Amino acid sequence: MSKSLINHILLLSLLFLGIILSLSLGSVSIPFLDILKSLLGSSLDNSTWEYIILQYRLPKTITAILIGSGLAVSGLLMQTLFRNPLAGPYVLGLSSGASLGVAFLIMGAGLFSGIFGELIFSKWAIILAASGGSLLVMLAVLSTAQRVKDTMTLLIIGLMVASLTSAIVSILAYFSDSNNLQLYIFWSFGSLGNLSWQEVGILAACWFTGLGFAIFCLKNLNALLLGENYAKSMGVQLKSNRVLIIVSTSVLAGSATAFAGPIAFVGLAVPHLIRQLIPTNDHRVLLPSIIVGGAILMLVCDVIAQLPGNENTLPINAVTSLFGAPVVIWLLLRKRKLNF
């Protein structure tokens, strides 16, 4: 049995273990057999346990899988497009655009009153505001992608857009009252456990759409690693391929930010972690492994964030970096080089 196959089996085993832990651990202790019965459709004697499993833990587990894998795939696409190991899913300013949309909604709430003012603080309003902000940035980036020939120019423009939107958010925060500022900060912490089944369904639809675009340009991604000139000589339409990659990243990362808030680190780190386990640049092999790897990392971070046995929950955005970054640093120091 080859080492690569062993590593694939290891990843699938870790994913299965992560799902079990995510469903089993929490502030309420529920026997695993009862969890299994509930998932198989059997009614439990304890209706509270059944509600927790089916209406909270299961949607949260699925959300973690979709968010983690979506951000990981986005990171892979951006690192390949820019041939830069430091590129991540938010390098084009998508997260900053979503943050700006939410900032305008929440910290501009003092301008409105009555029924409209109450609607501002609804969950769907925040999701739509984040989606709208990401969409506007995506359209701006797509327009730029049609005008510039160099991908590095596109990268710099994306970073400038992110800086511009962050500056506007800072100005809004300066003039905002404490309650609205606190609400915005809590949103920026990120959360996986607040989605209903309807919202999970919409997130899953976005995930499949974005992944479909990514799969469609898999062959071209391998050619891009060898440089744009080589890819062009292989018949790759650079502009249309760049648009597909940007749309795929926008849908995956934008929907993740809209439904769970800005979550750092995952998209940047998972492609590197997977390359340490499976040393290949073939995206047909990397893509499924990175999907699994992103889901595993997010599930593990979610389990840590829940503080099992405790009612408190840590911000998922902080946990992904706080517990994940040392692991990546250790692996890179151990390998002594970055596979890219």
C-alpha atoms as a PDB file:
ATOM      1  CA  MET A   1       0.000   0.000   0.000  1.00  0.00           C
ATOM      2  CA  SER A   2       1.495   3.357  -1.082  1.00  0.00           C
ATOM      3  CA  LYS A   3       2.147   6.178   1.358  1.00  0.00           C
ATOM      4  CA  SER A   4      -0.237   8.443  -0.567  1.00  0.00           C
ATOM      5  CA  LEU A   5      -3.089   5.940  -0.226  1.00  0.00           C
ATOM      6  CA  ILE A   6      -2.384   5.561   3.495  1.00  0.00           C
ATOM      7  CA  ASN A   7      -2.552   9.341   3.903  1.00  0.00           C
ATOM      8  CA  HIS A   8      -5.881   9.475   2.019  1.00  0.00           C
ATOM      9  CA  ILE A   9      -7.304   6.788   4.317  1.00  0.00           C
ATOM     10  CA  LEU A  10      -5.951   8.737   7.308  1.00  0.00           C
ATOM     11  CA  LEU A  11      -7.707  11.903   6.141  1.00  0.00           C
ATOM     12  CA  LEU A  12     -11.048  10.114   5.722  1.00  0.00           C
ATOM     13  CA  SER A  13     -10.659   8.504   9.153  1.00  0.00           C
ATOM     14  CA  LEU A  14      -9.925  11.885  10.735  1.00  0.00           C
ATOM     15  CA  LEU A  15     -12.979  13.371   9.006  1.00  0.00           C
ATOM     16  CA  PHE A  16     -15.179  10.597  10.406  1.00  0.00           C
ATOM     17  CA  LEU A  17     -13.690  11.125  13.881  1.00  0.00           C
ATOM     18  CA  GLY A  18     -14.202  14.887  13.619  1.00  0.00           C
ATOM     19  CA  ILE A  19     -17.885  14.419  12.726  1.00  0.00           C
ATOM     20  CA  ILE A  20     -18.383  12.091  15.704  1.00  0.00           C
ATOM     21  CA  LEU A  21     -16.685  14.523  18.091  1.00  0.00           C
ATOM     22  CA  SER A  22     -18.664  17.484  16.754  1.00  0.00           C
ATOM     23  CA  LEU A  23     -21.944  15.629  17.285  1.00  0.00           C
ATOM     24  CA  SER A  24     -20.983  14.173  20.663  1.00  0.00           C
ATOM     25  CA  LEU A  25     -19.327  17.055  22.517  1.00  0.00           C
ATOM     26  CA  GLY A  26     -21.008  20.143  23.847  1.00  0.00           C
ATOM     27  CA  SER A  27     -22.352  21.824  26.965  1.00  0.00           C
ATOM     28  CA  VAL A  28     -24.977  19.037  27.275  1.00  0.00           C
ATOM     29  CA  SER A  29     -23.702  15.476  27.640  1.00  0.00           C
ATOM     30  CA  ILE A  30     -25.632  13.081  25.379  1.00  0.00           C
ATOM     31  CA  PRO A  31     -24.804   9.330  25.096  1.00  0.00           C
ATOM     32  CA  PHE A  32     -23.411   8.413  21.678  1.00  0.00           C
ATOM     33  CA  LEU A  33     -25.968   5.616  21.184  1.00  0.00           C
ATOM     34  CA  ASP A  34     -28.786   8.145  21.583  1.00  0.00           C
ATOM     35  CA  ILE A  35     -27.085  10.414  19.047  1.00  0.00           C
ATOM     36  CA  LEU A  36     -26.857   7.508  16.611  1.00  0.00           C
ATOM     37  CA  LYS A  37     -30.510   6.568  17.152  1.00  0.00           C
ATOM     38  CA  SER A  38     -31.618  10.136  16.546  1.00  0.00           C
ATOM     39  CA  LEU A  39     -29.585  10.391  13.322  1.00  0.00           C
ATOM     40  CA  LEU A  40     -31.119   7.123  12.098  1.00  0.00           C
ATOM     41  CA  GLY A  41     -34.628   8.539  12.580  1.00  0.00           C
ATOM     42  CA  SER A  42     -35.614   6.923  15.875  1.00  0.00           C
ATOM     43  CA  SER A  43     -37.385   9.052  18.461  1.00  0.00           C
ATOM     44  CA  LEU A  44     -35.677   9.586  21.797  1.00  0.00           C
ATOM     45  CA  ASP A  45     -37.353   9.542  25.192  1.00  0.00           C
ATOM     46  CA  ASN A  46     -35.625  12.817  25.973  1.00  0.00           C
ATOM     47  CA  SER A  47     -37.087  15.331  23.505  1.00  0.00           C
ATOM     48  CA  THR A  48     -34.563  17.992  24.558  1.00  0.00           C
ATOM     49  CA  TRP A  49     -31.665  15.763  23.487  1.00  0.00           C
ATOM     50  CA  GLU A  50     -33.368  15.083  20.176  1.00  0.00           C
ATOM     51  CA  TYR A  51     -33.855  18.794  19.542  1.00  0.00           C
ATOM     52  CA  ILE A  52     -30.201  19.570  20.394  1.00  0.00           C
ATOM     53  CA  ILE A  53     -28.943  16.847  18.038  1.00  0.00           C
ATOM     54  CA  LEU A  54     -31.182  17.519  15.035  1.00  0.00           C
ATOM     55  CA  GLN A  55     -31.678  21.281  15.267  1.00  0.00           C
ATOM     56  CA  TYR A  56     -28.332  22.440  16.617  1.00  0.00           C
ATOM     57  CA  ARG A  57     -25.440  19.965  16.494  1.00  0.00           C
ATOM     58  CA  LEU A  58     -26.141  18.352  13.106  1.00  0.00           C
ATOM     59  CA  PRO A  59     -26.650  21.675  11.241  1.00  0.00           C
ATOM     60  CA  LYS A  60     -23.537  23.035  12.960  1.00  0.00           C
ATOM     61  CA  THR A  61     -21.483  20.003  11.924  1.00  0.00           C
ATOM     62  CA  ILE A  62     -22.622  20.276   8.305  1.00  0.00           C
ATOM     63  CA  THR A  63     -21.936  24.029   8.381  1.00  0.00           C
ATOM     64  CA  ALA A  64     -18.390  23.394   9.653  1.00  0.00           C
ATOM     65  CA  ILE A  65     -17.767  20.910   6.830  1.00  0.00           C
ATOM     66  CA  LEU A  66     -19.098  23.280   4.152  1.00  0.00           C
ATOM     67  CA  ILE A  67     -17.300  26.360   5.494  1.00  0.00           C
ATOM     68  CA  GLY A  68     -13.974  24.615   6.100  1.00  0.00           C
ATOM     69  CA  SER A  69     -13.854  22.821   2.757  1.00  0.00           C
ATOM     70  CA  GLY A  70     -15.091  25.875   0.835  1.00  0.00           C
ATOM     71  CA  LEU A  71     -12.436  28.165   2.309  1.00  0.00           C
ATOM     72  CA  ALA A  72      -9.734  25.531   1.752  1.00  0.00           C
ATOM     73  CA  VAL A  73     -10.642  25.156  -1.937  1.00  0.00           C
ATOM     74  CA  SER A  74     -10.725  28.949  -2.302  1.00  0.00           C
ATOM     75  CA  GLY A  75      -7.230  29.139  -0.834  1.00  0.00           C
ATOM     76  CA  LEU A  76      -5.963  26.535  -3.282  1.00  0.00           C
ATOM     77  CA  LEU A  77      -7.443  28.448  -6.236  1.00  0.00           C
ATOM     78  CA  MET A  78      -5.906  31.760  -5.157  1.00  0.00           C
ATOM     79  CA  GLN A  79      -2.479  30.254  -4.473  1.00  0.00           C
ATOM     80  CA  THR A  80      -2.498  28.651  -7.908  1.00  0.00           C
ATOM     81  CA  LEU A  81      -3.814  31.719  -9.735  1.00  0.00           C
ATOM     82  CA  PHE A  82      -1.206  34.031  -8.239  1.00  0.00           C
ATOM     83  CA  ARG A  83       1.457  31.314  -7.808  1.00  0.00           C
ATOM     84  CA  ASN A  84       1.948  32.723  -4.317  1.00  0.00           C
ATOM     85  CA  PRO A  85       1.972  30.512  -1.196  1.00  0.00           C
ATOM     86  CA  LEU A  86       0.796  33.457   0.930  1.00  0.00           C
ATOM     87  CA  ALA A  87      -2.395  34.023  -1.083  1.00  0.00           C
ATOM     88  CA  GLY A  88      -5.677  33.122   0.592  1.00  0.00           C
ATOM     89  CA  PRO A  89      -9.391  33.176  -0.242  1.00  0.00           C
ATOM     90  CA  TYR A  90      -9.775  36.769   0.992  1.00  0.00           C
ATOM     91  CA  VAL A  91      -6.809  38.233  -0.883  1.00  0.00           C
ATOM     92  CA  LEU A  92      -9.163  39.825  -3.431  1.00  0.00           C
ATOM     93  CA  GLY A  93     -10.975  41.783  -0.723  1.00  0.00           C
ATOM     94  CA  LEU A  94     -14.083  39.568  -0.578  1.00  0.00           C
ATOM     95  CA  SER A  95     -14.087  39.352   3.215  1.00  0.00           C
ATOM     96  CA  SER A  96     -13.484  43.085   3.495  1.00  0.00           C
ATOM     97  CA  GLY A  97     -16.411  43.712   1.144  1.00  0.00           C
ATOM     98  CA  ALA A  98     -18.671  41.521   3.291  1.00  0.00           C
ATOM     99  CA  SER A  99     -17.455  43.303   6.435  1.00  0.00           C
ATOM    100  CA  LEU A 100     -18.177  46.658   4.825  1.00  0.00           C
ATOM    101  CA  GLY A 101     -21.725  45.571   3.931  1.00  0.00           C
ATOM    102  CA  VAL A 102     -22.393  44.428   7.493  1.00  0.00           C
ATOM    103  CA  ALA A 103     -20.738  47.551   8.913  1.00  0.00           C
ATOM    104  CA  PHE A 104     -23.009  49.806   6.840  1.00  0.00           C
ATOM    105  CA  LEU A 105     -26.025  47.794   7.981  1.00  0.00           C
ATOM    106  CA  ILE A 106     -25.238  47.593  11.697  1.00  0.00           C
ATOM    107  CA  MET A 107     -23.274  50.763  12.428  1.00  0.00           C
ATOM    108  CA  GLY A 108     -25.523  52.827  10.171  1.00  0.00           C
ATOM    109  CA  ALA A 109     -28.596  51.548  12.002  1.00  0.00           C
ATOM    110  CA  GLY A 110     -28.901  54.801  13.943  1.00  0.00           C
ATOM    111  CA  LEU A 111     -30.078  56.488  10.747  1.00  0.00           C
ATOM    112  CA  PHE A 112     -33.247  54.386  10.708  1.00  0.00           C
ATOM    113  CA  SER A 113     -36.093  53.794  13.106  1.00  0.00           C
ATOM    114  CA  GLY A 114     -39.354  51.931  13.426  1.00  0.00           C
ATOM    115  CA  ILE A 115     -40.009  48.626  11.671  1.00  0.00           C
ATOM    116  CA  PHE A 116     -37.145  49.105   9.214  1.00  0.00           C
ATOM    117  CA  GLY A 117     -34.761  49.679  12.097  1.00  0.00           C
ATOM    118  CA  GLU A 118     -35.834  46.368  13.669  1.00  0.00           C
ATOM    119  CA  LEU A 119     -35.363  44.503  10.402  1.00  0.00           C
ATOM    120  CA  ILE A 120     -31.757  45.693  10.246  1.00  0.00           C
ATOM    121  CA  PHE A 121     -30.774  43.459  13.148  1.00  0.00           C
ATOM    122  CA  SER A 122     -32.346  40.281  11.731  1.00  0.00           C
ATOM    123  CA  LYS A 123     -30.104  37.405  10.741  1.00  0.00           C
ATOM    124  CA  TRP A 124     -31.206  37.476   7.099  1.00  0.00           C
ATOM    125  CA  ALA A 125     -30.486  41.196   6.827  1.00  0.00           C
ATOM    126  CA  ILE A 126     -26.901  40.620   7.974  1.00  0.00           C
ATOM    127  CA  ILE A 127     -26.484  37.681   5.575  1.00  0.00           C
ATOM    128  CA  LEU A 128     -27.807  39.752   2.661  1.00  0.00           C
ATOM    129  CA  ALA A 129     -25.606  42.715   3.595  1.00  0.00           C
ATOM    130  CA  ALA A 130     -22.495  40.517   3.734  1.00  0.00           C
ATOM    131  CA  SER A 131     -23.435  38.835   0.449  1.00  0.00           C
ATOM    132  CA  GLY A 132     -24.066  42.193  -1.192  1.00  0.00           C
ATOM    133  CA  GLY A 133     -20.691  43.549  -0.057  1.00  0.00           C
ATOM    134  CA  SER A 134     -18.874  40.476  -1.360  1.00  0.00           C
ATOM    135  CA  LEU A 135     -20.821  40.625  -4.631  1.00  0.00           C
ATOM    136  CA  LEU A 136     -19.865  44.252  -5.259  1.00  0.00           C
ATOM    137  CA  VAL A 137     -16.189  43.487  -4.641  1.00  0.00           C
ATOM    138  CA  MET A 138     -16.411  40.428  -6.895  1.00  0.00           C
ATOM    139  CA  LEU A 139     -17.926  42.495  -9.723  1.00  0.00           C
ATOM    140  CA  ALA A 140     -15.191  45.115  -9.293  1.00  0.00           C
ATOM    141  CA  VAL A 141     -12.482  42.440  -9.377  1.00  0.00           C
ATOM    142  CA  LEU A 142     -14.036  40.753 -12.416  1.00  0.00           C
ATOM    143  CA  SER A 143     -14.142  44.084 -14.223  1.00  0.00           C
ATOM    144  CA  THR A 144     -10.485  44.625 -13.354  1.00  0.00           C
ATOM    145  CA  ALA A 145      -9.564  41.094 -14.444  1.00  0.00           C
ATOM    146  CA  GLN A 146     -10.846  41.874 -17.938  1.00  0.00           C
ATOM    147  CA  ARG A 147      -8.676  44.977 -18.171  1.00  0.00           C
ATOM    148  CA  VAL A 148      -5.304  43.823 -16.803  1.00  0.00           C
ATOM    149  CA  LYS A 149      -3.028  41.167 -18.224  1.00  0.00           C
ATOM    150  CA  ASP A 150      -0.797  40.566 -15.222  1.00  0.00           C
ATOM    151  CA  THR A 151      -2.236  38.563 -12.307  1.00  0.00           C
ATOM    152  CA  MET A 152       0.112  40.321  -9.878  1.00  0.00           C
ATOM    153  CA  THR A 153      -1.536  43.613 -10.780  1.00  0.00           C
ATOM    154  CA  LEU A 154      -4.870  42.011  -9.956  1.00  0.00           C
ATOM    155  CA  LEU A 155      -3.465  40.847  -6.617  1.00  0.00           C
ATOM    156  CA  ILE A 156      -2.269  44.347  -5.719  1.00  0.00           C
ATOM    157  CA  ILE A 157      -5.642  45.842  -6.683  1.00  0.00           C
ATOM    158  CA  GLY A 158      -7.372  43.279  -4.472  1.00  0.00           C
ATOM    159  CA  LEU A 159      -5.168  44.232  -1.534  1.00  0.00           C
ATOM    160  CA  MET A 160      -5.855  47.921  -2.142  1.00  0.00           C
ATOM    161  CA  VAL A 161      -9.615  47.258  -2.215  1.00  0.00           C
ATOM    162  CA  ALA A 162      -9.284  45.410   1.102  1.00  0.00           C
ATOM    163  CA  SER A 163      -7.383  48.358   2.613  1.00  0.00           C
ATOM    164  CA  LEU A 164      -9.962  50.831   1.323  1.00  0.00           C
ATOM    165  CA  THR A 165     -12.932  48.926   2.717  1.00  0.00           C
ATOM    166  CA  SER A 166     -11.153  48.418   6.064  1.00  0.00           C
ATOM    167  CA  ALA A 167     -10.587  52.180   6.279  1.00  0.00           C
ATOM    168  CA  ILE A 168     -14.290  52.864   5.671  1.00  0.00           C
ATOM    169  CA  VAL A 169     -15.241  50.300   8.340  1.00  0.00           C
ATOM    170  CA  SER A 170     -12.876  52.026  10.790  1.00  0.00           C
ATOM    171  CA  ILE A 171     -14.530  55.392  10.112  1.00  0.00           C
ATOM    172  CA  LEU A 172     -17.999  53.892  10.625  1.00  0.00           C
ATOM    173  CA  ALA A 173     -16.815  52.281  13.864  1.00  0.00           C
ATOM    174  CA  TYR A 174     -15.441  55.612  15.100  1.00  0.00           C
ATOM    175  CA  PHE A 175     -18.824  57.328  14.742  1.00  0.00           C
ATOM    176  CA  SER A 176     -20.936  54.328  15.842  1.00  0.00           C
ATOM    177  CA  ASP A 177     -22.509  53.967  19.280  1.00  0.00           C
ATOM    178  CA  SER A 178     -21.256  51.267  21.656  1.00  0.00           C
ATOM    179  CA  ASN A 179     -24.181  48.852  21.192  1.00  0.00           C
ATOM    180  CA  ASN A 180     -23.943  48.714  17.402  1.00  0.00           C
ATOM    181  CA  LEU A 181     -20.153  48.527  17.559  1.00  0.00           C
ATOM    182  CA  GLN A 182     -20.401  45.583  19.944  1.00  0.00           C
ATOM    183  CA  LEU A 183     -22.865  43.811  17.619  1.00  0.00           C
ATOM    184  CA  TYR A 184     -20.498  44.265  14.671  1.00  0.00           C
ATOM    185  CA  ILE A 185     -17.532  42.966  16.680  1.00  0.00           C
ATOM    186  CA  PHE A 186     -19.484  39.869  17.704  1.00  0.00           C
ATOM    187  CA  TRP A 187     -20.293  39.208  14.039  1.00  0.00           C
ATOM    188  CA  SER A 188     -16.605  39.543  13.143  1.00  0.00           C
ATOM    189  CA  PHE A 189     -15.763  36.793  15.663  1.00  0.00           C
ATOM    190  CA  GLY A 190     -17.456  34.242  13.402  1.00  0.00           C
ATOM    191  CA  SER A 191     -19.961  31.561  14.362  1.00  0.00           C
ATOM    192  CA  LEU A 192     -20.981  28.153  13.037  1.00  0.00           C
ATOM    193  CA  GLY A 193     -23.896  27.359  15.321  1.00  0.00           C
ATOM    194  CA  ASN A 194     -26.575  29.875  14.398  1.00  0.00           C
ATOM    195  CA  LEU A 195     -27.856  28.490  11.088  1.00  0.00           C
ATOM    196  CA  SER A 196     -31.259  26.926  10.518  1.00  0.00           C
ATOM    197  CA  TRP A 197     -31.758  24.025   8.105  1.00  0.00           C
ATOM    198  CA  GLN A 198     -33.013  26.472   5.469  1.00  0.00           C
ATOM    199  CA  GLU A 199     -29.847  28.542   5.752  1.00  0.00           C
ATOM    200  CA  VAL A 200     -27.677  25.416   5.672  1.00  0.00           C
ATOM    201  CA  GLY A 201     -29.458  24.426   2.455  1.00  0.00           C
ATOM    202  CA  ILE A 202     -28.676  27.781   0.812  1.00  0.00           C
ATOM    203  CA  LEU A 203     -25.053  27.545   1.982  1.00  0.00           C
ATOM    204  CA  ALA A 204     -24.825  24.021   0.523  1.00  0.00           C
ATOM    205  CA  ALA A 205     -26.208  25.265  -2.815  1.00  0.00           C
ATOM    206  CA  CYS A 206     -23.526  27.980  -2.907  1.00  0.00           C
ATOM    207  CA  TRP A 207     -20.890  25.387  -1.987  1.00  0.00           C
ATOM    208  CA  PHE A 208     -21.864  23.051  -4.841  1.00  0.00           C
ATOM    209  CA  THR A 209     -21.990  25.965  -7.287  1.00  0.00           C
ATOM    210  CA  GLY A 210     -18.542  27.239  -6.335  1.00  0.00           C
ATOM    211  CA  LEU A 211     -17.070  23.735  -6.325  1.00  0.00           C
ATOM    212  CA  GLY A 212     -18.553  23.096  -9.766  1.00  0.00           C
ATOM    213  CA  PHE A 213     -16.682  26.109 -11.173  1.00  0.00           C
ATOM    214  CA  ALA A 214     -13.481  24.884  -9.485  1.00  0.00           C
ATOM    215  CA  ILE A 215     -13.806  21.385 -10.960  1.00  0.00           C
ATOM    216  CA  PHE A 216     -14.466  22.859 -14.407  1.00  0.00           C
ATOM    217  CA  CYS A 217     -11.048  24.567 -14.457  1.00  0.00           C
ATOM    218  CA  LEU A 218      -9.020  21.767 -12.796  1.00  0.00           C
ATOM    219  CA  LYS A 219      -7.013  20.930 -15.905  1.00  0.00           C
ATOM    220  CA  ASN A 220      -6.110  24.572 -16.473  1.00  0.00           C
ATOM    221  CA  LEU A 221      -4.943  24.949 -12.870  1.00  0.00           C
ATOM    222  CA  ASN A 222      -2.188  22.397 -13.449  1.00  0.00           C
ATOM    223  CA  ALA A 223      -0.992  24.374 -16.477  1.00  0.00           C
ATOM    224  CA  LEU A 224      -1.036  27.677 -14.561  1.00  0.00           C
ATOM    225  CA  LEU A 225       1.478  26.337 -12.050  1.00  0.00           C
ATOM    226  CA  LEU A 226       4.084  26.300 -14.814  1.00  0.00           C
ATOM    227  CA  GLY A 227       3.454  29.933 -15.694  1.00  0.00           C
ATOM    228  CA  GLU A 228       0.996  31.913 -17.785  1.00  0.00           C
ATOM    229  CA  ASN A 229       3.107  31.678 -20.935  1.00  0.00           C
ATOM    230  CA  TYR A 230       3.190  27.885 -20.688  1.00  0.00           C
ATOM    231  CA  ALA A 231      -0.536  27.761 -19.970  1.00  0.00           C
ATOM    232  CA  LYS A 232      -1.209  29.962 -22.989  1.00  0.00           C
ATOM    233  CA  SER A 233       0.908  27.686 -25.186  1.00  0.00           C
ATOM    234  CA  MET A 234      -1.223  24.761 -23.961  1.00  0.00           C
ATOM    235  CA  GLY A 235      -4.355  26.494 -25.246  1.00  0.00           C
ATOM    236  CA  VAL A 236      -5.608  27.905 -21.939  1.00  0.00           C
ATOM    237  CA  GLN A 237      -7.747  31.016 -22.363  1.00  0.00           C
ATOM    238  CA  LEU A 238      -6.162  33.071 -19.582  1.00  0.00           C
ATOM    239  CA  LYS A 239      -8.858  35.735 -19.180  1.00  0.00           C
ATOM    240  CA  SER A 240     -11.831  33.369 -19.161  1.00  0.00           C
ATOM    241  CA  ASN A 241      -9.988  30.951 -16.894  1.00  0.00           C
ATOM    242  CA  ARG A 242      -9.121  33.794 -14.504  1.00  0.00           C
ATOM    243  CA  VAL A 243     -12.790  34.802 -14.403  1.00  0.00           C
ATOM    244  CA  LEU A 244     -13.856  31.225 -13.583  1.00  0.00           C
ATOM    245  CA  ILE A 245     -11.360  31.016 -10.734  1.00  0.00           C
ATOM    246  CA  ILE A 246     -12.442  34.385  -9.323  1.00  0.00           C
ATOM    247  CA  VAL A 247     -16.144  33.463  -9.539  1.00  0.00           C
ATOM    248  CA  SER A 248     -15.518  30.115  -7.849  1.00  0.00           C
ATOM    249  CA  THR A 249     -13.527  31.758  -5.046  1.00  0.00           C
ATOM    250  CA  SER A 250     -16.105  34.509  -4.663  1.00  0.00           C
ATOM    251  CA  VAL A 251     -19.012  32.095  -4.335  1.00  0.00           C
ATOM    252  CA  LEU A 252     -17.202  29.796  -1.877  1.00  0.00           C
ATOM    253  CA  ALA A 253     -15.512  32.440   0.282  1.00  0.00           C
ATOM    254  CA  GLY A 254     -18.314  34.999  -0.041  1.00  0.00           C
ATOM    255  CA  SER A 255     -21.032  32.571   1.091  1.00  0.00           C
ATOM    256  CA  ALA A 256     -18.829  31.358   3.960  1.00  0.00           C
ATOM    257  CA  THR A 257     -18.344  34.933   5.184  1.00  0.00           C
ATOM    258  CA  ALA A 258     -22.016  35.798   4.755  1.00  0.00           C
ATOM    259  CA  PHE A 259     -23.290  32.838   6.786  1.00  0.00           C
ATOM    260  CA  ALA A 260     -20.498  32.360   9.345  1.00  0.00           C
ATOM    261  CA  GLY A 261     -18.615  35.649   9.473  1.00  0.00           C
ATOM    262  CA  PRO A 262     -14.983  36.227   8.476  1.00  0.00           C
ATOM    263  CA  ILE A 263     -12.948  33.113   9.343  1.00  0.00           C
ATOM    264  CA  ALA A 264      -9.207  33.473   8.921  1.00  0.00           C
ATOM    265  CA  PHE A 265      -6.352  31.015   8.481  1.00  0.00           C
ATOM    266  CA  VAL A 266      -8.227  27.995   7.058  1.00  0.00           C
ATOM    267  CA  GLY A 267      -7.952  28.928   3.378  1.00  0.00           C
ATOM    268  CA  LEU A 268      -4.309  29.908   3.699  1.00  0.00           C
ATOM    269  CA  ALA A 269      -3.111  26.937   5.752  1.00  0.00           C
ATOM    270  CA  VAL A 270      -5.014  23.857   4.569  1.00  0.00           C
ATOM    271  CA  PRO A 271      -3.443  23.675   1.056  1.00  0.00           C
ATOM    272  CA  HIS A 272       0.022  23.717   2.659  1.00  0.00           C
ATOM    273  CA  LEU A 273      -0.942  21.140   5.286  1.00  0.00           C
ATOM    274  CA  ILE A 274      -2.312  18.784   2.632  1.00  0.00           C
ATOM    275  CA  ARG A 275       0.786  19.199   0.462  1.00  0.00           C
ATOM    276  CA  GLN A 276       2.878  18.054   3.443  1.00  0.00           C
ATOM    277  CA  LEU A 277       0.842  14.833   3.589  1.00  0.00           C
ATOM    278  CA  ILE A 278       0.336  14.365  -0.147  1.00  0.00           C
ATOM    279  CA  PRO A 279       3.317  15.912  -2.009  1.00  0.00           C
ATOM    280  CA  THR A 280       1.812  16.522  -5.432  1.00  0.00           C
ATOM    281  CA  ASN A 281       0.868  19.513  -7.559  1.00  0.00           C
ATOM    282  CA  ASP A 282      -1.805  17.638  -9.512  1.00  0.00           C
ATOM    283  CA  HIS A 283      -5.007  19.467  -8.661  1.00  0.00           C
ATOM    284  CA  ARG A 284      -7.078  16.405  -9.527  1.00  0.00           C
ATOM    285  CA  VAL A 285      -5.490  14.737  -6.494  1.00  0.00           C
ATOM    286  CA  LEU A 286      -5.186  17.855  -4.341  1.00  0.00           C
ATOM    287  CA  LEU A 287      -8.777  19.088  -4.657  1.00  0.00           C
ATOM    288  CA  PRO A 288     -10.599  16.163  -2.954  1.00  0.00           C
ATOM    289  CA  SER A 289      -7.871  15.949  -0.298  1.00  0.00           C
ATOM    290  CA  ILE A 290      -8.114  19.666   0.441  1.00  0.00           C
ATOM    291  CA  ILE A 291     -11.902  19.447   0.676  1.00  0.00           C
ATOM    292  CA  VAL A 292     -11.523  16.758   3.350  1.00  0.00           C
ATOM    293  CA  GLY A 293      -8.633  18.581   5.039  1.00  0.00           C
ATOM    294  CA  GLY A 294     -10.554  21.855   5.301  1.00  0.00           C
ATOM    295  CA  ALA A 295     -13.558  20.064   6.786  1.00  0.00           C
ATOM    296  CA  ILE A 296     -11.339  18.297   9.351  1.00  0.00           C
ATOM    297  CA  LEU A 297      -9.608  21.499  10.463  1.00  0.00           C
ATOM    298  CA  MET A 298     -12.878  23.370  10.877  1.00  0.00           C
ATOM    299  CA  LEU A 299     -14.492  20.494  12.799  1.00  0.00           C
ATOM    300  CA  VAL A 300     -11.512  20.253  15.166  1.00  0.00           C
ATOM    301  CA  CYS A 301     -11.490  24.018  15.741  1.00  0.00           C
ATOM    302  CA  ASP A 302     -15.239  23.974  16.346  1.00  0.00           C
ATOM    303  CA  VAL A 303     -14.864  21.215  18.961  1.00  0.00           C
ATOM    304  CA  ILE A 304     -12.147  23.258  20.691  1.00  0.00           C
ATOM    305  CA  ALA A 305     -14.260  26.433  20.507  1.00  0.00           C
ATOM    306  CA  GLN A 306     -17.208  24.743  22.203  1.00  0.00           C
ATOM    307  CA  LEU A 307     -15.200  24.141  25.397  1.00  0.00           C
ATOM    308  CA  PRO A 308     -16.823  20.697  25.949  1.00  0.00           C
ATOM    309  CA  GLY A 309     -18.618  20.516  29.286  1.00  0.00           C
ATOM    310  CA  ASN A 310     -18.792  24.309  29.501  1.00  0.00           C
ATOM    311  CA  GLU A 311     -21.550  26.700  28.455  1.00  0.00           C
ATOM    312  CA  ASN A 312     -19.080  29.241  27.044  1.00  0.00           C
ATOM    313  CA  THR A 313     -18.028  29.214  23.388  1.00  0.00           C
ATOM    314  CA  LEU A 314     -14.833  30.744  22.057  1.00  0.00           C
ATOM    315  CA  PRO A 315     -14.901  32.835  18.835  1.00  0.00           C
ATOM    316  CA  ILE A 316     -14.267  30.413  15.960  1.00  0.00           C
ATOM    317  CA  ASN A 317     -12.251  33.053  14.091  1.00  0.00           C
ATOM    318  CA  ALA A 318      -9.786  33.237  16.974  1.00  0.00           C
ATOM    319  CA  VAL A 319      -9.602  29.475  17.482  1.00  0.00           C
ATOM    320  CA  THR A 320      -8.705  28.703  13.851  1.00  0.00           C
ATOM    321  CA  SER A 321      -5.595  30.882  14.086  1.00  0.00           C
ATOM    322  CA  LEU A 322      -4.727  30.351  17.756  1.00  0.00           C
ATOM    323  CA  PHE A 323      -4.663  26.565  17.565  1.00  0.00           C
ATOM    324  CA  GLY A 324      -3.981  26.078  13.874  1.00  0.00           C
ATOM    325  CA  ALA A 325      -1.043  28.415  13.241  1.00  0.00           C
ATOM    326  CA  PRO A 326       1.384  26.628  15.621  1.00  0.00           C
ATOM    327  CA  VAL A 327       0.623  23.323  13.881  1.00  0.00           C
ATOM    328  CA  VAL A 328       1.479  24.779  10.478  1.00  0.00           C
ATOM    329  CA  ILE A 329       4.654  26.412  11.819  1.00  0.00           C
ATOM    330  CA  TRP A 330       5.736  23.112  13.378  1.00  0.00           C
ATOM    331  CA  LEU A 331       5.107  21.179  10.166  1.00  0.00           C
ATOM    332  CA  LEU A 332       6.996  23.691   8.027  1.00  0.00           C
ATOM    333  CA  LEU A 333       9.955  23.738  10.400  1.00  0.00           C
ATOM    334  CA  ARG A 334       9.948  19.957  10.452  1.00  0.00           C
ATOM    335  CA  LYS A 335       9.889  19.713   6.653  1.00  0.00           C
ATOM    336  CA  ARG A 336      12.356  22.637   6.295  1.00  0.00           C
ATOM    337  CA  LYS A 337      10.769  23.694   3.005  1.00  0.00           C
ATOM    338  CA  LEU A 338       7.403  24.618   1.532  1.00  0.00           C
ATOM    339  CA  ASN A 339       6.015  22.321  -1.121  1.00  0.00           C
ATOM    340  CA  PHE A 340       4.447  24.505  -3.783  1.00  0.00           C
END
